[in-house]
Each structure stands twice: as C-alpha cells, then as structure tokens.
N, C-alpha and C. Protein backbone atom coordinates (compact mmCIF):
# COMPACT_ATOMS: atom_id res chain seq x y z
N LEU A 1 -106.29 -18.31 11.34
CA LEU A 1 -104.67 -16.86 11.98
C LEU A 1 -105.17 -15.80 12.01
N TRP A 2 -105.26 -14.87 11.19
CA TRP A 2 -105.38 -13.82 11.35
C TRP A 2 -107.34 -13.43 11.08
N ARG A 3 -107.95 -12.44 11.77
CA ARG A 3 -109.19 -12.10 11.36
C ARG A 3 -109.12 -10.67 12.06
N MET A 4 -110.47 -10.41 11.36
CA MET A 4 -111.16 -8.79 12.07
C MET A 4 -112.87 -9.06 11.66
N GLY A 5 -113.57 -8.61 12.69
CA GLY A 5 -114.85 -8.53 12.86
C GLY A 5 -114.82 -7.03 12.39
N ILE A 6 -116.25 -7.24 11.23
CA ILE A 6 -116.84 -6.46 10.66
C ILE A 6 -118.50 -6.81 11.43
N TYR A 7 -119.45 -5.16 11.26
CA TYR A 7 -120.93 -5.30 11.92
C TYR A 7 -121.42 -5.38 10.42
N GLU A 8 -121.96 -5.84 9.58
CA GLU A 8 -122.70 -5.82 8.53
C GLU A 8 -124.57 -6.09 9.12
N LEU A 9 -125.03 -5.28 8.47
CA LEU A 9 -126.45 -5.50 8.32
C LEU A 9 -126.88 -5.96 9.86
N GLY A 10 -126.51 -5.07 11.26
CA GLY A 10 -126.33 -5.22 12.50
C GLY A 10 -126.15 -6.50 13.01
N GLU A 11 -125.50 -7.81 11.94
CA GLU A 11 -124.64 -8.76 12.46
C GLU A 11 -123.03 -8.74 12.60
N TYR A 12 -122.34 -9.41 13.80
CA TYR A 12 -121.07 -9.62 13.45
C TYR A 12 -120.74 -10.73 12.60
N THR A 13 -119.61 -10.19 12.28
CA THR A 13 -118.94 -11.52 11.23
C THR A 13 -117.60 -11.17 11.18
N GLU A 14 -117.05 -12.27 11.62
CA GLU A 14 -115.34 -12.23 11.00
C GLU A 14 -114.68 -13.01 9.92
N VAL A 15 -114.18 -12.08 8.98
CA VAL A 15 -113.49 -11.96 7.77
C VAL A 15 -111.76 -11.69 7.90
N HIS A 16 -111.40 -12.43 6.89
CA HIS A 16 -109.78 -12.25 6.29
C HIS A 16 -109.38 -10.72 6.16
N PRO A 17 -108.34 -10.68 6.91
CA PRO A 17 -107.98 -8.73 6.53
C PRO A 17 -107.29 -8.88 5.14
N THR A 18 -108.22 -9.24 4.28
CA THR A 18 -107.53 -8.92 2.84
C THR A 18 -106.51 -7.97 2.47
N PHE A 19 -106.93 -6.57 3.01
CA PHE A 19 -106.01 -5.86 2.75
C PHE A 19 -104.63 -5.57 3.01
N LEU A 20 -104.16 -6.29 4.48
CA LEU A 20 -103.53 -6.67 4.92
C LEU A 20 -102.52 -7.68 3.84
N TYR A 21 -103.37 -9.08 3.81
CA TYR A 21 -102.45 -9.92 2.82
C TYR A 21 -101.77 -9.23 1.42
N GLU A 22 -103.06 -8.12 1.38
CA GLU A 22 -102.54 -7.66 0.06
C GLU A 22 -101.08 -6.19 0.10
N SER A 23 -101.49 -6.11 1.55
CA SER A 23 -99.86 -5.27 1.29
C SER A 23 -98.94 -5.72 1.49
N ILE A 24 -98.41 -7.16 2.68
CA ILE A 24 -97.81 -7.95 2.73
C ILE A 24 -97.31 -8.16 1.03
N ALA A 25 -98.14 -8.99 0.46
CA ALA A 25 -97.29 -9.75 -0.75
C ALA A 25 -96.79 -9.08 -1.19
N THR A 26 -97.71 -7.42 -1.56
CA THR A 26 -97.23 -5.95 -2.49
C THR A 26 -95.66 -5.85 -1.93
N PHE A 27 -95.39 -5.81 -0.59
CA PHE A 27 -93.92 -5.78 0.01
C PHE A 27 -93.20 -7.08 -0.35
N ILE A 28 -93.55 -7.87 -0.28
CA ILE A 28 -92.61 -9.06 -0.91
C ILE A 28 -92.35 -8.84 -2.63
N LEU A 29 -93.41 -8.56 -3.06
CA LEU A 29 -93.55 -8.71 -4.85
C LEU A 29 -92.55 -7.05 -4.93
N PHE A 30 -91.89 -6.26 -4.39
CA PHE A 30 -91.29 -5.26 -4.62
C PHE A 30 -90.15 -5.75 -4.29
N ILE A 31 -89.76 -6.37 -3.54
CA ILE A 31 -88.51 -7.06 -2.61
C ILE A 31 -87.64 -7.98 -3.93
N ILE A 32 -88.60 -9.10 -4.30
CA ILE A 32 -88.74 -9.39 -5.37
C ILE A 32 -87.86 -9.25 -6.81
N LEU A 33 -88.30 -7.93 -7.11
CA LEU A 33 -88.58 -6.88 -8.47
C LEU A 33 -87.12 -6.33 -8.09
N MET A 34 -87.03 -6.12 -7.19
CA MET A 34 -85.96 -5.13 -6.48
C MET A 34 -84.71 -6.23 -7.26
N LYS A 35 -84.63 -7.32 -6.43
CA LYS A 35 -83.33 -8.21 -6.69
C LYS A 35 -83.45 -8.67 -8.34
N ILE A 36 -84.60 -8.56 -9.09
CA ILE A 36 -84.42 -9.07 -10.68
C ILE A 36 -84.04 -8.06 -11.01
N SER A 37 -84.37 -7.16 -11.21
CA SER A 37 -83.76 -5.75 -11.87
C SER A 37 -82.85 -5.90 -12.21
N LYS A 38 -81.39 -6.22 -10.56
CA LYS A 38 -80.06 -6.33 -10.85
C LYS A 38 -79.65 -7.17 -11.98
N LYS A 39 -80.43 -8.41 -12.49
CA LYS A 39 -79.92 -9.26 -13.19
C LYS A 39 -81.20 -9.92 -14.50
N ARG A 40 -82.02 -8.08 -14.90
CA ARG A 40 -82.96 -8.86 -15.70
C ARG A 40 -82.17 -9.17 -17.27
N LYS A 41 -82.55 -10.24 -17.72
CA LYS A 41 -82.04 -10.84 -18.77
C LYS A 41 -82.45 -9.89 -20.49
N PHE A 42 -83.61 -9.49 -20.09
CA PHE A 42 -84.32 -8.98 -21.38
C PHE A 42 -85.49 -7.87 -21.38
N THR A 43 -85.42 -7.05 -22.22
CA THR A 43 -86.15 -5.89 -21.58
C THR A 43 -88.41 -6.43 -21.84
N GLY A 44 -88.60 -6.07 -20.48
CA GLY A 44 -90.08 -6.89 -20.19
C GLY A 44 -89.81 -7.46 -19.15
N GLN A 45 -88.86 -7.97 -18.77
CA GLN A 45 -88.69 -8.92 -17.56
C GLN A 45 -89.37 -8.48 -16.41
N LEU A 46 -88.92 -7.57 -16.04
CA LEU A 46 -89.50 -7.17 -14.54
C LEU A 46 -91.48 -6.79 -14.68
N THR A 47 -92.15 -6.27 -16.00
CA THR A 47 -93.44 -6.25 -15.84
C THR A 47 -93.69 -7.41 -15.88
N TYR A 48 -93.13 -8.27 -16.52
CA TYR A 48 -93.92 -9.77 -16.96
C TYR A 48 -93.51 -10.14 -15.38
N VAL A 49 -92.68 -10.16 -14.63
CA VAL A 49 -92.63 -10.82 -13.42
C VAL A 49 -93.51 -10.24 -12.70
N TYR A 50 -94.17 -8.92 -12.82
CA TYR A 50 -94.87 -8.42 -11.86
C TYR A 50 -95.97 -9.25 -12.28
N PHE A 51 -96.64 -9.12 -13.47
CA PHE A 51 -97.98 -9.41 -13.99
C PHE A 51 -97.77 -11.19 -13.20
N ILE A 52 -96.89 -11.77 -13.27
CA ILE A 52 -97.01 -13.53 -12.53
C ILE A 52 -97.79 -13.37 -11.83
N ILE A 53 -96.63 -12.62 -10.40
CA ILE A 53 -96.33 -13.07 -9.43
C ILE A 53 -98.19 -12.34 -8.88
N TYR A 54 -98.03 -11.12 -9.09
CA TYR A 54 -99.51 -9.96 -8.85
C TYR A 54 -100.65 -10.65 -8.84
N GLY A 55 -100.97 -11.10 -10.29
CA GLY A 55 -102.03 -11.86 -10.97
C GLY A 55 -102.51 -13.26 -9.95
N PHE A 56 -101.32 -14.17 -9.35
CA PHE A 56 -101.26 -15.08 -8.57
C PHE A 56 -101.73 -14.97 -7.44
N GLU A 57 -101.34 -13.91 -6.93
CA GLU A 57 -101.61 -13.07 -5.54
C GLU A 57 -102.53 -12.61 -5.27
N ARG A 58 -103.36 -12.01 -6.68
CA ARG A 58 -104.65 -11.57 -6.28
C ARG A 58 -106.05 -12.29 -6.31
N MET A 59 -105.66 -13.41 -7.18
CA MET A 59 -106.14 -14.46 -7.60
C MET A 59 -106.58 -15.30 -5.72
N ILE A 60 -105.66 -15.42 -5.18
CA ILE A 60 -105.79 -16.41 -3.81
C ILE A 60 -106.53 -14.95 -2.55
N VAL A 61 -106.00 -13.99 -2.76
CA VAL A 61 -106.90 -12.83 -1.89
C VAL A 61 -108.13 -12.89 -2.65
N GLU A 62 -108.67 -12.56 -3.44
CA GLU A 62 -109.78 -12.66 -4.27
C GLU A 62 -110.18 -13.26 -3.68
N GLY A 63 -110.00 -14.90 -3.22
CA GLY A 63 -110.96 -15.77 -3.12
C GLY A 63 -111.15 -15.92 -1.37
N LEU A 64 -110.50 -14.66 -1.12
CA LEU A 64 -110.90 -14.62 0.41
C LEU A 64 -112.03 -13.64 0.58
N ARG A 65 -111.97 -13.04 -0.15
CA ARG A 65 -112.97 -11.48 0.04
C ARG A 65 -114.36 -12.10 0.30
N THR A 66 -115.15 -11.18 0.77
CA THR A 66 -116.69 -11.91 1.09
C THR A 66 -117.47 -11.01 -0.11
N ASP A 67 -117.22 -9.35 -0.21
CA ASP A 67 -117.76 -8.77 -1.39
C ASP A 67 -117.22 -8.69 -2.63
N SER A 68 -117.07 -9.63 -3.39
CA SER A 68 -116.67 -10.38 -4.46
C SER A 68 -118.04 -9.72 -5.77
N LEU A 69 -117.58 -9.15 -6.53
CA LEU A 69 -118.58 -8.89 -7.75
C LEU A 69 -118.63 -10.31 -7.92
N MET A 70 -119.46 -10.43 -9.03
CA MET A 70 -119.61 -11.94 -9.47
C MET A 70 -120.62 -12.28 -10.28
N ILE A 71 -120.10 -13.22 -11.38
CA ILE A 71 -121.24 -13.49 -12.80
C ILE A 71 -120.96 -15.18 -12.27
N GLY A 72 -122.67 -15.46 -11.88
CA GLY A 72 -122.85 -16.45 -11.81
C GLY A 72 -122.01 -17.31 -10.66
N PRO A 73 -120.89 -18.50 -10.74
CA PRO A 73 -120.21 -18.83 -9.94
C PRO A 73 -118.64 -17.99 -9.76
N ILE A 74 -118.51 -17.09 -10.83
CA ILE A 74 -116.92 -16.94 -11.16
C ILE A 74 -116.90 -15.53 -10.24
N ARG A 75 -115.92 -15.11 -9.32
CA ARG A 75 -115.60 -14.06 -9.22
C ARG A 75 -114.99 -13.02 -10.18
N ILE A 76 -115.19 -11.89 -10.55
CA ILE A 76 -114.77 -11.21 -11.98
C ILE A 76 -113.24 -11.15 -11.56
N SER A 77 -112.98 -10.86 -9.64
CA SER A 77 -111.62 -10.10 -9.73
C SER A 77 -110.73 -11.05 -9.68
N GLN A 78 -111.17 -12.40 -10.07
CA GLN A 78 -109.91 -13.42 -9.97
C GLN A 78 -110.20 -14.24 -11.81
N ALA A 79 -111.22 -13.54 -12.17
CA ALA A 79 -110.87 -14.25 -13.67
C ALA A 79 -110.08 -13.24 -14.46
N LEU A 80 -110.19 -11.85 -13.67
CA LEU A 80 -109.34 -10.55 -14.80
C LEU A 80 -107.34 -10.99 -14.19
N SER A 81 -107.47 -11.67 -12.68
CA SER A 81 -106.03 -11.76 -12.07
C SER A 81 -105.78 -13.08 -12.71
N LEU A 82 -106.37 -13.84 -13.16
CA LEU A 82 -106.20 -15.67 -13.81
C LEU A 82 -105.71 -14.93 -15.58
N VAL A 83 -106.11 -13.78 -16.10
CA VAL A 83 -106.01 -13.35 -17.40
C VAL A 83 -104.56 -12.63 -17.49
N ILE A 84 -104.49 -11.97 -16.48
CA ILE A 84 -102.76 -11.09 -16.27
C ILE A 84 -102.21 -12.10 -15.69
N LEU A 85 -102.18 -13.06 -14.76
CA LEU A 85 -101.31 -14.11 -15.24
C LEU A 85 -100.49 -15.46 -16.20
N ILE A 86 -101.77 -15.78 -16.48
CA ILE A 86 -101.38 -15.95 -18.23
C ILE A 86 -100.50 -14.99 -18.89
N MET A 87 -101.04 -14.01 -19.16
CA MET A 87 -100.37 -12.88 -20.19
C MET A 87 -99.33 -12.81 -19.77
N GLY A 88 -99.13 -12.32 -18.07
CA GLY A 88 -97.42 -12.87 -17.81
C GLY A 88 -96.38 -13.71 -18.10
N ILE A 89 -97.42 -14.75 -17.90
CA ILE A 89 -96.64 -16.41 -18.37
C ILE A 89 -96.28 -16.11 -19.75
N THR A 90 -96.68 -16.13 -21.02
CA THR A 90 -97.37 -15.99 -21.90
C THR A 90 -96.03 -15.35 -22.30
N LEU A 91 -96.24 -14.06 -22.20
CA LEU A 91 -95.10 -13.19 -22.81
C LEU A 91 -93.85 -13.33 -22.45
N TYR A 92 -93.80 -14.14 -20.97
CA TYR A 92 -92.28 -14.06 -20.61
C TYR A 92 -91.83 -15.55 -21.24
N ILE A 93 -92.38 -16.08 -21.69
CA ILE A 93 -91.77 -17.21 -22.48
C ILE A 93 -91.15 -17.05 -23.85
N LYS A 94 -92.41 -15.94 -24.15
CA LYS A 94 -92.47 -15.81 -25.71
C LYS A 94 -90.85 -15.27 -25.78
N ASN A 95 -90.51 -13.88 -25.00
CA ASN A 95 -89.29 -13.04 -24.97
C ASN A 95 -88.17 -13.72 -24.23
N ARG A 96 -88.38 -15.12 -23.44
CA ARG A 96 -87.10 -15.61 -23.35
C ARG A 96 -87.05 -16.99 -24.04
N ARG A 97 -87.69 -16.94 -25.46
CA ARG A 97 -87.26 -17.64 -26.11
C ARG A 97 -86.70 -16.83 -27.19
N MET A 98 -87.21 -15.65 -27.08
CA MET A 98 -86.38 -14.74 -27.89
C MET A 98 -84.97 -14.22 -27.82
N LEU A 99 -84.96 -14.90 -26.79
CA LEU A 99 -83.46 -14.26 -25.94
C LEU A 99 -82.66 -15.10 -26.06
N ASN A 100 -83.19 -16.68 -26.68
CA ASN A 100 -82.38 -17.93 -26.61
C ASN A 100 -82.08 -18.03 -28.02
N ASN A 101 -82.92 -17.63 -28.60
CA ASN A 101 -82.46 -17.77 -30.09
C ASN A 101 -81.80 -16.97 -30.55
N ASN A 102 -81.41 -15.33 -30.15
CA ASN A 102 -80.16 -14.61 -30.44
C ASN A 102 -79.02 -15.16 -30.01
C-alpha cells in the first residue's frame, strides 16, 4: 500500500515507510494510554500496557525494515521487542492477580 523509494549503492529500491508506521502506531498508543489512565486499576498498569502494545508494534515494524541488525536469522530488534512484550504481559498478569487477591 504505502512505499517509498530509496537509492542504495546506485540501485533504486522501494521499501516500507517504517518511520511513518512507527509514528502512527505511537500516536494510537498515546490515545489508548490516555483513555486507560482515567480508569487504571493498579500501580504500573499504564507502563505494562505500554510495554505490551509497543513491544508488539515494534515486532511488526521491525519485520518490515530492510536494514536490521541480525544474528543468524533473528533480528535483534525483534528479539528485544519480544522480550519487552513478554515482560509487559507477565507483569500485567502478576499485578492484576495481586489486585484480585486483596
């Protein structure tokens, strides 16, 4: 759908405008966090939701990039995003359970 052209080593290539995707996703994340902030139920909830959504979004966007740092077949930024996503989900569930137990 969206693409932009770049010249790299004298060759024209069309790529995804990942910076645009990132900007749009970050703006949507801001709106979501603003809505949640009015109804948050426990300390840290906004941070954990941020980790979850941002980690997921970064995994998707980094998969579209053409200039990723790789270790074998794994993109480092996607691996880090997955860690952030899992950490956010784990902490969210842990704190939600603690809230329900009190």
